[in-house]
């Protein structure tokens, strides 16, 4: 059986984390970005053997993925996303992808103000209560990257 083909759109922290998780799961992964992928991110992708295309505007059907991970900076109305949906390809975000591959209980903190403080306070309370807890998301490392680390 061929590994599932995963196309990650966007090579920021979220996209690179999703690509890493896909690779750890044994998927055939490729990353596309519409802009120039910064050197540190390119080095990470190269070290993992993940092909990438930057400044790329190609058609999703040319790679024929089974699943597309959409980074937060890519609008749902983008031609890439609309093309994938029109072809019946599942499109999910990095959080949904990572959540499907971890047995961890999740605490999601959203809102306009105070997320970082609330996250650190919640983490501290959990750890003080003897619960193994981690922080991921918009605070340094992506959730998918954290899940990939746990699976290694």
N, C-alpha and C. Protein backbone atom coordinates (compact mmCIF):
# COMPACT_ATOMS: atom_id res chain seq x y z
N UNK A 1 0.85 -1.18 0.00
CA UNK A 1 0.00 0.00 0.00
C UNK A 1 0.89 1.24 0.00
N UNK A 2 0.55 2.21 -0.83
CA UNK A 2 1.30 3.47 -0.86
C UNK A 2 0.93 4.32 0.33
N UNK A 3 1.90 5.08 0.85
CA UNK A 3 1.58 5.97 1.96
C UNK A 3 0.64 7.07 1.49
N UNK A 4 -0.16 7.57 2.41
CA UNK A 4 -1.08 8.66 2.10
C UNK A 4 -0.27 9.89 1.68
N UNK A 5 -0.75 10.57 0.64
CA UNK A 5 -0.08 11.77 0.13
C UNK A 5 -0.63 12.99 0.85
N UNK A 6 0.25 13.71 1.52
CA UNK A 6 -0.12 14.88 2.31
C UNK A 6 0.50 16.12 1.69
N UNK A 7 -0.33 17.08 1.34
CA UNK A 7 0.15 18.35 0.83
C UNK A 7 -0.09 19.41 1.90
N UNK A 8 0.98 20.07 2.32
CA UNK A 8 0.89 21.12 3.33
C UNK A 8 1.04 22.46 2.62
N UNK A 9 0.04 23.32 2.80
CA UNK A 9 0.06 24.64 2.19
C UNK A 9 0.48 25.66 3.23
N UNK A 10 1.65 26.23 3.04
CA UNK A 10 2.20 27.21 3.97
C UNK A 10 3.36 26.61 4.73
N UNK A 11 4.49 27.34 4.73
CA UNK A 11 5.71 26.81 5.36
C UNK A 11 6.13 27.61 6.58
N UNK A 12 5.16 28.07 7.33
CA UNK A 12 5.47 28.72 8.61
C UNK A 12 5.61 27.65 9.70
N UNK A 13 5.54 28.07 10.94
CA UNK A 13 5.66 27.14 12.07
C UNK A 13 4.58 26.06 12.00
N UNK A 14 3.36 26.46 11.72
CA UNK A 14 2.25 25.52 11.64
C UNK A 14 2.44 24.52 10.51
N UNK A 15 2.77 25.01 9.33
CA UNK A 15 2.95 24.13 8.17
C UNK A 15 4.11 23.17 8.33
N UNK A 16 5.23 23.69 8.83
CA UNK A 16 6.40 22.81 9.02
C UNK A 16 6.13 21.77 10.09
N UNK A 17 5.39 22.15 11.14
CA UNK A 17 5.01 21.17 12.16
C UNK A 17 4.11 20.08 11.60
N UNK A 18 3.14 20.49 10.77
CA UNK A 18 2.25 19.51 10.14
C UNK A 18 3.02 18.59 9.20
N UNK A 19 3.96 19.16 8.45
CA UNK A 19 4.78 18.35 7.54
C UNK A 19 5.61 17.33 8.32
N UNK A 20 6.19 17.78 9.44
CA UNK A 20 6.99 16.87 10.27
C UNK A 20 6.12 15.74 10.81
N UNK A 21 4.93 16.07 11.29
CA UNK A 21 4.03 15.04 11.81
C UNK A 21 3.66 14.06 10.70
N UNK A 22 3.34 14.57 9.52
CA UNK A 22 3.03 13.68 8.41
C UNK A 22 4.17 12.73 8.09
N UNK A 23 5.38 13.25 8.11
CA UNK A 23 6.57 12.43 7.84
C UNK A 23 6.73 11.35 8.92
N UNK A 24 6.56 11.72 10.19
CA UNK A 24 6.66 10.76 11.30
C UNK A 24 5.59 9.67 11.15
N UNK A 25 4.44 10.03 10.62
CA UNK A 25 3.36 9.06 10.43
C UNK A 25 3.55 8.20 9.18
N UNK A 26 4.63 8.45 8.43
CA UNK A 26 4.93 7.65 7.25
C UNK A 26 4.24 8.11 5.98
N UNK A 27 3.73 9.33 6.00
CA UNK A 27 3.05 9.86 4.81
C UNK A 27 4.06 10.38 3.79
N UNK A 28 3.64 10.43 2.56
CA UNK A 28 4.38 11.06 1.48
C UNK A 28 4.01 12.55 1.54
N UNK A 29 4.95 13.40 1.95
CA UNK A 29 4.65 14.80 2.26
C UNK A 29 5.34 15.74 1.29
N UNK A 30 4.63 16.81 0.93
CA UNK A 30 5.24 17.92 0.19
C UNK A 30 4.66 19.21 0.75
N UNK A 31 5.49 20.28 0.75
CA UNK A 31 5.08 21.58 1.28
C UNK A 31 5.13 22.60 0.16
N UNK A 32 4.07 23.38 0.04
CA UNK A 32 4.03 24.47 -0.93
C UNK A 32 3.80 25.78 -0.20
N UNK A 33 4.45 26.82 -0.66
CA UNK A 33 4.23 28.16 -0.11
C UNK A 33 4.17 29.14 -1.26
N UNK A 34 3.34 30.15 -1.14
CA UNK A 34 3.21 31.15 -2.19
C UNK A 34 4.33 32.19 -2.13
N UNK A 35 4.99 32.27 -1.00
CA UNK A 35 6.10 33.22 -0.84
C UNK A 35 7.42 32.47 -0.77
N UNK A 36 8.45 33.21 -0.42
CA UNK A 36 9.77 32.61 -0.26
C UNK A 36 9.85 31.97 1.12
N UNK A 37 10.23 30.71 1.16
CA UNK A 37 10.37 30.01 2.44
C UNK A 37 11.68 30.44 3.08
N UNK A 38 11.59 30.92 4.31
CA UNK A 38 12.80 31.39 5.00
C UNK A 38 13.79 30.27 5.23
N UNK A 39 15.05 30.64 5.25
CA UNK A 39 16.17 29.69 5.36
C UNK A 39 16.00 28.68 6.50
N UNK A 40 15.68 29.12 7.73
CA UNK A 40 15.56 28.12 8.81
C UNK A 40 14.49 27.06 8.50
N UNK A 41 13.38 27.46 7.90
CA UNK A 41 12.32 26.51 7.57
C UNK A 41 12.76 25.57 6.44
N UNK A 42 13.46 26.12 5.43
CA UNK A 42 13.96 25.27 4.34
C UNK A 42 14.91 24.22 4.89
N UNK A 43 15.77 24.62 5.81
CA UNK A 43 16.73 23.68 6.39
C UNK A 43 16.03 22.56 7.16
N UNK A 44 14.97 22.91 7.88
CA UNK A 44 14.19 21.90 8.60
C UNK A 44 13.58 20.92 7.61
N UNK A 45 12.93 21.44 6.58
CA UNK A 45 12.31 20.57 5.58
C UNK A 45 13.34 19.68 4.90
N UNK A 46 14.48 20.26 4.54
CA UNK A 46 15.54 19.48 3.88
C UNK A 46 16.08 18.39 4.81
N UNK A 47 16.24 18.71 6.10
CA UNK A 47 16.77 17.72 7.04
C UNK A 47 15.82 16.54 7.22
N UNK A 48 14.53 16.79 6.99
CA UNK A 48 13.53 15.72 7.11
C UNK A 48 13.27 15.02 5.76
N UNK A 49 13.93 15.51 4.72
CA UNK A 49 13.72 14.92 3.40
C UNK A 49 12.35 15.24 2.82
N UNK A 50 11.81 16.40 3.18
CA UNK A 50 10.48 16.79 2.70
C UNK A 50 10.65 17.78 1.55
N UNK A 51 10.19 17.42 0.35
CA UNK A 51 10.28 18.35 -0.78
C UNK A 51 9.37 19.56 -0.55
N UNK A 52 9.79 20.69 -1.09
CA UNK A 52 9.00 21.91 -0.95
C UNK A 52 9.11 22.74 -2.22
N UNK A 53 8.13 23.61 -2.38
CA UNK A 53 8.13 24.56 -3.48
C UNK A 53 7.76 25.91 -2.89
N UNK A 54 8.64 26.89 -3.07
CA UNK A 54 8.27 28.22 -2.63
C UNK A 54 7.98 29.10 -3.83
N UNK A 55 7.35 30.23 -3.55
CA UNK A 55 6.88 31.14 -4.61
C UNK A 55 6.12 30.35 -5.66
N UNK A 56 5.27 29.44 -5.20
CA UNK A 56 4.61 28.49 -6.08
C UNK A 56 3.13 28.80 -6.21
N UNK A 57 2.64 28.79 -7.40
CA UNK A 57 1.22 29.04 -7.64
C UNK A 57 0.57 27.94 -8.43
N UNK A 58 1.14 26.74 -8.40
CA UNK A 58 0.65 25.62 -9.21
C UNK A 58 -0.69 25.08 -8.74
N UNK A 59 -1.21 24.17 -9.53
CA UNK A 59 -2.51 23.55 -9.30
C UNK A 59 -2.36 22.32 -8.40
N UNK A 60 -3.22 22.21 -7.41
CA UNK A 60 -3.17 21.08 -6.47
C UNK A 60 -3.28 19.74 -7.18
N UNK A 61 -4.08 19.67 -8.20
CA UNK A 61 -4.26 18.39 -8.92
C UNK A 61 -2.95 17.87 -9.50
N UNK A 62 -1.98 18.76 -9.71
CA UNK A 62 -0.70 18.32 -10.27
C UNK A 62 0.05 17.41 -9.31
N UNK A 63 -0.26 17.47 -8.02
CA UNK A 63 0.40 16.60 -7.04
C UNK A 63 -0.53 15.49 -6.56
N UNK A 64 -1.83 15.68 -6.72
CA UNK A 64 -2.83 14.67 -6.41
C UNK A 64 -2.76 14.17 -4.95
N UNK A 65 -2.90 15.07 -3.97
CA UNK A 65 -2.83 14.63 -2.57
C UNK A 65 -4.12 13.94 -2.12
N UNK A 66 -3.99 13.18 -1.04
CA UNK A 66 -5.16 12.58 -0.39
C UNK A 66 -5.72 13.53 0.68
N UNK A 67 -4.84 14.36 1.22
CA UNK A 67 -5.21 15.28 2.29
C UNK A 67 -4.41 16.56 2.13
N UNK A 68 -5.06 17.69 2.40
CA UNK A 68 -4.40 18.99 2.36
C UNK A 68 -4.49 19.62 3.75
N UNK A 69 -3.33 20.08 4.25
CA UNK A 69 -3.30 20.84 5.50
C UNK A 69 -3.16 22.30 5.12
N UNK A 70 -4.08 23.11 5.59
CA UNK A 70 -4.09 24.54 5.31
C UNK A 70 -3.53 25.30 6.49
N UNK A 71 -2.47 26.05 6.26
CA UNK A 71 -1.91 26.89 7.31
C UNK A 71 -2.85 28.06 7.58
N UNK A 72 -2.79 28.63 8.80
CA UNK A 72 -3.73 29.69 9.18
C UNK A 72 -3.70 30.92 8.26
N UNK A 73 -2.56 31.22 7.66
CA UNK A 73 -2.46 32.41 6.83
C UNK A 73 -3.07 32.27 5.44
N UNK A 74 -3.56 31.09 5.11
CA UNK A 74 -4.14 30.87 3.79
C UNK A 74 -5.66 30.94 3.90
N UNK A 75 -6.23 31.87 3.17
CA UNK A 75 -7.68 32.10 3.23
C UNK A 75 -8.44 30.92 2.64
N UNK A 76 -9.58 30.58 3.23
CA UNK A 76 -10.40 29.49 2.69
C UNK A 76 -10.83 29.75 1.24
N UNK A 77 -10.87 31.02 0.85
CA UNK A 77 -11.28 31.37 -0.50
C UNK A 77 -10.15 31.25 -1.52
N UNK A 78 -8.95 30.91 -1.08
CA UNK A 78 -7.81 30.85 -2.00
C UNK A 78 -8.06 29.81 -3.09
N UNK A 79 -7.51 30.04 -4.27
CA UNK A 79 -7.70 29.08 -5.37
C UNK A 79 -7.22 27.67 -5.00
N UNK A 80 -6.14 27.56 -4.22
CA UNK A 80 -5.66 26.24 -3.81
C UNK A 80 -6.73 25.49 -3.04
N UNK A 81 -7.31 26.16 -2.05
CA UNK A 81 -8.30 25.52 -1.19
C UNK A 81 -9.56 25.19 -1.99
N UNK A 82 -10.03 26.13 -2.78
CA UNK A 82 -11.23 25.90 -3.57
C UNK A 82 -11.03 24.77 -4.57
N UNK A 83 -9.83 24.68 -5.16
CA UNK A 83 -9.51 23.61 -6.11
C UNK A 83 -9.55 22.25 -5.42
N UNK A 84 -8.94 22.17 -4.23
CA UNK A 84 -8.92 20.90 -3.48
C UNK A 84 -10.34 20.48 -3.12
N UNK A 85 -11.14 21.41 -2.62
CA UNK A 85 -12.51 21.07 -2.22
C UNK A 85 -13.34 20.64 -3.43
N UNK A 86 -13.14 21.31 -4.56
CA UNK A 86 -13.89 20.95 -5.77
C UNK A 86 -13.55 19.54 -6.24
N UNK A 87 -12.35 19.08 -5.95
CA UNK A 87 -11.93 17.73 -6.34
C UNK A 87 -12.24 16.69 -5.27
N UNK A 88 -12.89 17.11 -4.18
CA UNK A 88 -13.25 16.18 -3.13
C UNK A 88 -12.12 15.82 -2.19
N UNK A 89 -11.05 16.61 -2.20
CA UNK A 89 -9.90 16.37 -1.33
C UNK A 89 -10.18 17.02 0.03
N UNK A 90 -9.96 16.28 1.09
CA UNK A 90 -10.16 16.82 2.44
C UNK A 90 -9.14 17.91 2.73
N UNK A 91 -9.62 19.01 3.30
CA UNK A 91 -8.76 20.12 3.71
C UNK A 91 -9.00 20.36 5.19
N UNK A 92 -7.94 20.25 5.99
CA UNK A 92 -8.04 20.49 7.43
C UNK A 92 -6.92 21.42 7.85
N UNK A 93 -7.06 21.96 9.05
CA UNK A 93 -5.97 22.80 9.55
C UNK A 93 -5.02 21.95 10.40
N UNK A 94 -3.91 22.54 10.76
CA UNK A 94 -2.86 21.84 11.51
C UNK A 94 -3.37 21.32 12.85
N UNK A 95 -4.21 22.08 13.51
CA UNK A 95 -4.74 21.68 14.83
C UNK A 95 -5.60 20.42 14.70
N UNK A 96 -6.49 20.41 13.72
CA UNK A 96 -7.35 19.24 13.51
C UNK A 96 -6.52 18.01 13.15
N UNK A 97 -5.53 18.19 12.28
CA UNK A 97 -4.64 17.10 11.88
C UNK A 97 -3.91 16.53 13.10
N UNK A 98 -3.32 17.40 13.90
CA UNK A 98 -2.56 16.94 15.07
C UNK A 98 -3.46 16.29 16.11
N UNK A 99 -4.64 16.86 16.33
CA UNK A 99 -5.55 16.32 17.34
C UNK A 99 -5.96 14.89 17.00
N UNK A 100 -6.03 14.57 15.71
CA UNK A 100 -6.41 13.23 15.30
C UNK A 100 -5.31 12.21 15.55
N UNK A 101 -4.11 12.68 15.89
CA UNK A 101 -2.97 11.76 16.04
C UNK A 101 -2.34 11.81 17.43
N UNK A 102 -3.11 12.24 18.42
CA UNK A 102 -2.59 12.23 19.79
C UNK A 102 -3.66 11.72 20.74
N UNK A 103 -3.26 10.94 21.73
CA UNK A 103 -4.21 10.51 22.74
C UNK A 103 -4.36 11.54 23.87
N UNK A 104 -3.60 12.63 23.79
CA UNK A 104 -3.59 13.62 24.87
C UNK A 104 -4.95 14.30 25.02
N UNK A 105 -5.25 14.65 26.25
CA UNK A 105 -6.42 15.50 26.50
C UNK A 105 -5.99 16.92 26.18
N UNK A 106 -6.86 17.67 25.54
CA UNK A 106 -6.51 19.01 25.07
C UNK A 106 -7.27 20.08 25.83
N UNK A 107 -6.58 21.16 26.10
CA UNK A 107 -7.19 22.37 26.64
C UNK A 107 -6.91 23.45 25.62
N UNK A 108 -7.95 23.99 25.02
CA UNK A 108 -7.79 25.04 24.01
C UNK A 108 -8.18 26.38 24.62
N UNK A 109 -7.31 27.34 24.47
CA UNK A 109 -7.55 28.67 25.04
C UNK A 109 -7.63 29.66 23.89
N UNK A 110 -8.78 30.31 23.78
CA UNK A 110 -9.00 31.26 22.70
C UNK A 110 -9.46 32.59 23.29
N UNK A 111 -9.56 33.57 22.44
CA UNK A 111 -10.07 34.86 22.89
C UNK A 111 -9.23 35.99 22.33
N UNK A 112 -9.56 37.19 22.75
CA UNK A 112 -8.90 38.38 22.24
C UNK A 112 -7.68 38.75 23.08
N UNK A 113 -7.85 38.77 24.37
CA UNK A 113 -6.76 39.19 25.27
C UNK A 113 -6.52 38.15 26.35
N UNK A 114 -5.25 38.03 26.77
CA UNK A 114 -4.92 37.21 27.92
C UNK A 114 -4.64 35.75 27.64
N UNK A 115 -4.55 35.37 26.39
CA UNK A 115 -4.34 33.94 26.07
C UNK A 115 -3.00 33.43 26.59
N UNK A 116 -1.94 34.19 26.41
CA UNK A 116 -0.62 33.74 26.84
C UNK A 116 -0.57 33.60 28.36
N UNK A 117 -1.08 34.58 29.07
CA UNK A 117 -1.11 34.51 30.54
C UNK A 117 -1.96 33.35 31.01
N UNK A 118 -3.14 33.19 30.43
CA UNK A 118 -4.04 32.10 30.81
C UNK A 118 -3.40 30.74 30.51
N UNK A 119 -2.71 30.64 29.38
CA UNK A 119 -2.05 29.40 29.01
C UNK A 119 -0.96 29.04 30.02
N UNK A 120 -0.12 30.01 30.35
CA UNK A 120 0.96 29.74 31.32
C UNK A 120 0.40 29.40 32.70
N UNK A 121 -0.63 30.09 33.11
CA UNK A 121 -1.25 29.81 34.41
C UNK A 121 -1.86 28.41 34.42
N UNK A 122 -2.57 28.05 33.36
CA UNK A 122 -3.18 26.72 33.25
C UNK A 122 -2.09 25.63 33.28
N UNK A 123 -1.03 25.85 32.52
CA UNK A 123 0.09 24.90 32.49
C UNK A 123 0.68 24.74 33.88
N UNK A 124 0.90 25.83 34.57
CA UNK A 124 1.48 25.79 35.92
C UNK A 124 0.57 25.00 36.88
N UNK A 125 -0.72 25.28 36.85
CA UNK A 125 -1.66 24.60 37.74
C UNK A 125 -1.68 23.09 37.45
N UNK A 126 -1.70 22.73 36.18
CA UNK A 126 -1.71 21.30 35.83
C UNK A 126 -0.43 20.61 36.31
N UNK A 127 0.70 21.24 36.06
CA UNK A 127 1.98 20.65 36.48
C UNK A 127 2.07 20.54 38.00
N UNK A 128 1.63 21.56 38.69
CA UNK A 128 1.64 21.52 40.16
C UNK A 128 0.72 20.43 40.70
N UNK A 129 -0.29 20.09 39.92
CA UNK A 129 -1.22 19.03 40.30
C UNK A 129 -0.74 17.64 39.90
N UNK A 130 0.49 17.58 39.39
CA UNK A 130 1.07 16.28 39.04
C UNK A 130 0.68 15.77 37.66
N UNK A 131 0.14 16.64 36.84
CA UNK A 131 -0.26 16.23 35.49
C UNK A 131 0.83 16.63 34.50
N UNK A 132 1.24 15.68 33.68
CA UNK A 132 2.21 15.99 32.62
C UNK A 132 1.51 16.86 31.59
N UNK A 133 2.01 18.07 31.38
CA UNK A 133 1.36 19.02 30.48
C UNK A 133 2.40 19.71 29.61
N UNK A 134 1.97 20.14 28.47
CA UNK A 134 2.84 20.87 27.56
C UNK A 134 2.10 22.05 26.98
N UNK A 135 2.85 22.96 26.38
CA UNK A 135 2.27 24.13 25.73
C UNK A 135 2.65 24.09 24.26
N UNK A 136 1.66 24.27 23.41
CA UNK A 136 1.93 24.34 21.96
C UNK A 136 0.84 25.19 21.33
N UNK A 137 1.13 25.64 20.16
CA UNK A 137 0.17 26.49 19.43
C UNK A 137 0.86 27.77 19.03
N UNK A 138 0.25 28.88 19.33
CA UNK A 138 0.82 30.18 18.95
C UNK A 138 1.88 30.67 19.92
N UNK A 139 2.50 29.77 20.62
CA UNK A 139 3.48 30.17 21.63
C UNK A 139 4.82 29.47 21.40
N UNK A 140 5.32 29.54 20.21
CA UNK A 140 6.64 28.99 19.95
C UNK A 140 6.66 27.80 19.04
N UNK A 141 6.04 26.70 19.43
CA UNK A 141 6.06 25.52 18.57
C UNK A 141 4.63 25.14 18.21
N UNK A 142 4.49 24.60 17.04
CA UNK A 142 3.16 24.21 16.58
C UNK A 142 2.67 22.99 17.35
N UNK A 143 1.37 22.84 17.39
CA UNK A 143 0.77 21.67 18.03
C UNK A 143 1.19 20.40 17.29
N UNK A 144 1.16 20.43 15.96
CA UNK A 144 1.56 19.25 15.19
C UNK A 144 3.03 18.90 15.42
N UNK A 145 3.88 19.91 15.54
CA UNK A 145 5.30 19.66 15.83
C UNK A 145 5.46 19.00 17.19
N UNK A 146 4.67 19.44 18.17
CA UNK A 146 4.73 18.84 19.51
C UNK A 146 4.25 17.38 19.47
N UNK A 147 3.19 17.12 18.73
CA UNK A 147 2.70 15.74 18.61
C UNK A 147 3.75 14.87 17.93
N UNK A 148 4.40 15.41 16.88
CA UNK A 148 5.45 14.65 16.19
C UNK A 148 6.58 14.29 17.16
N UNK A 149 6.98 15.22 18.01
CA UNK A 149 8.04 14.95 19.00
C UNK A 149 7.62 13.84 19.94
N UNK A 150 6.36 13.85 20.36
CA UNK A 150 5.86 12.81 21.29
C UNK A 150 5.84 11.43 20.63
N UNK A 151 5.65 11.39 19.32
CA UNK A 151 5.58 10.11 18.62
C UNK A 151 6.95 9.52 18.32
N UNK A 152 7.99 10.33 18.39
CA UNK A 152 9.34 9.84 18.09
C UNK A 152 9.89 9.01 19.22
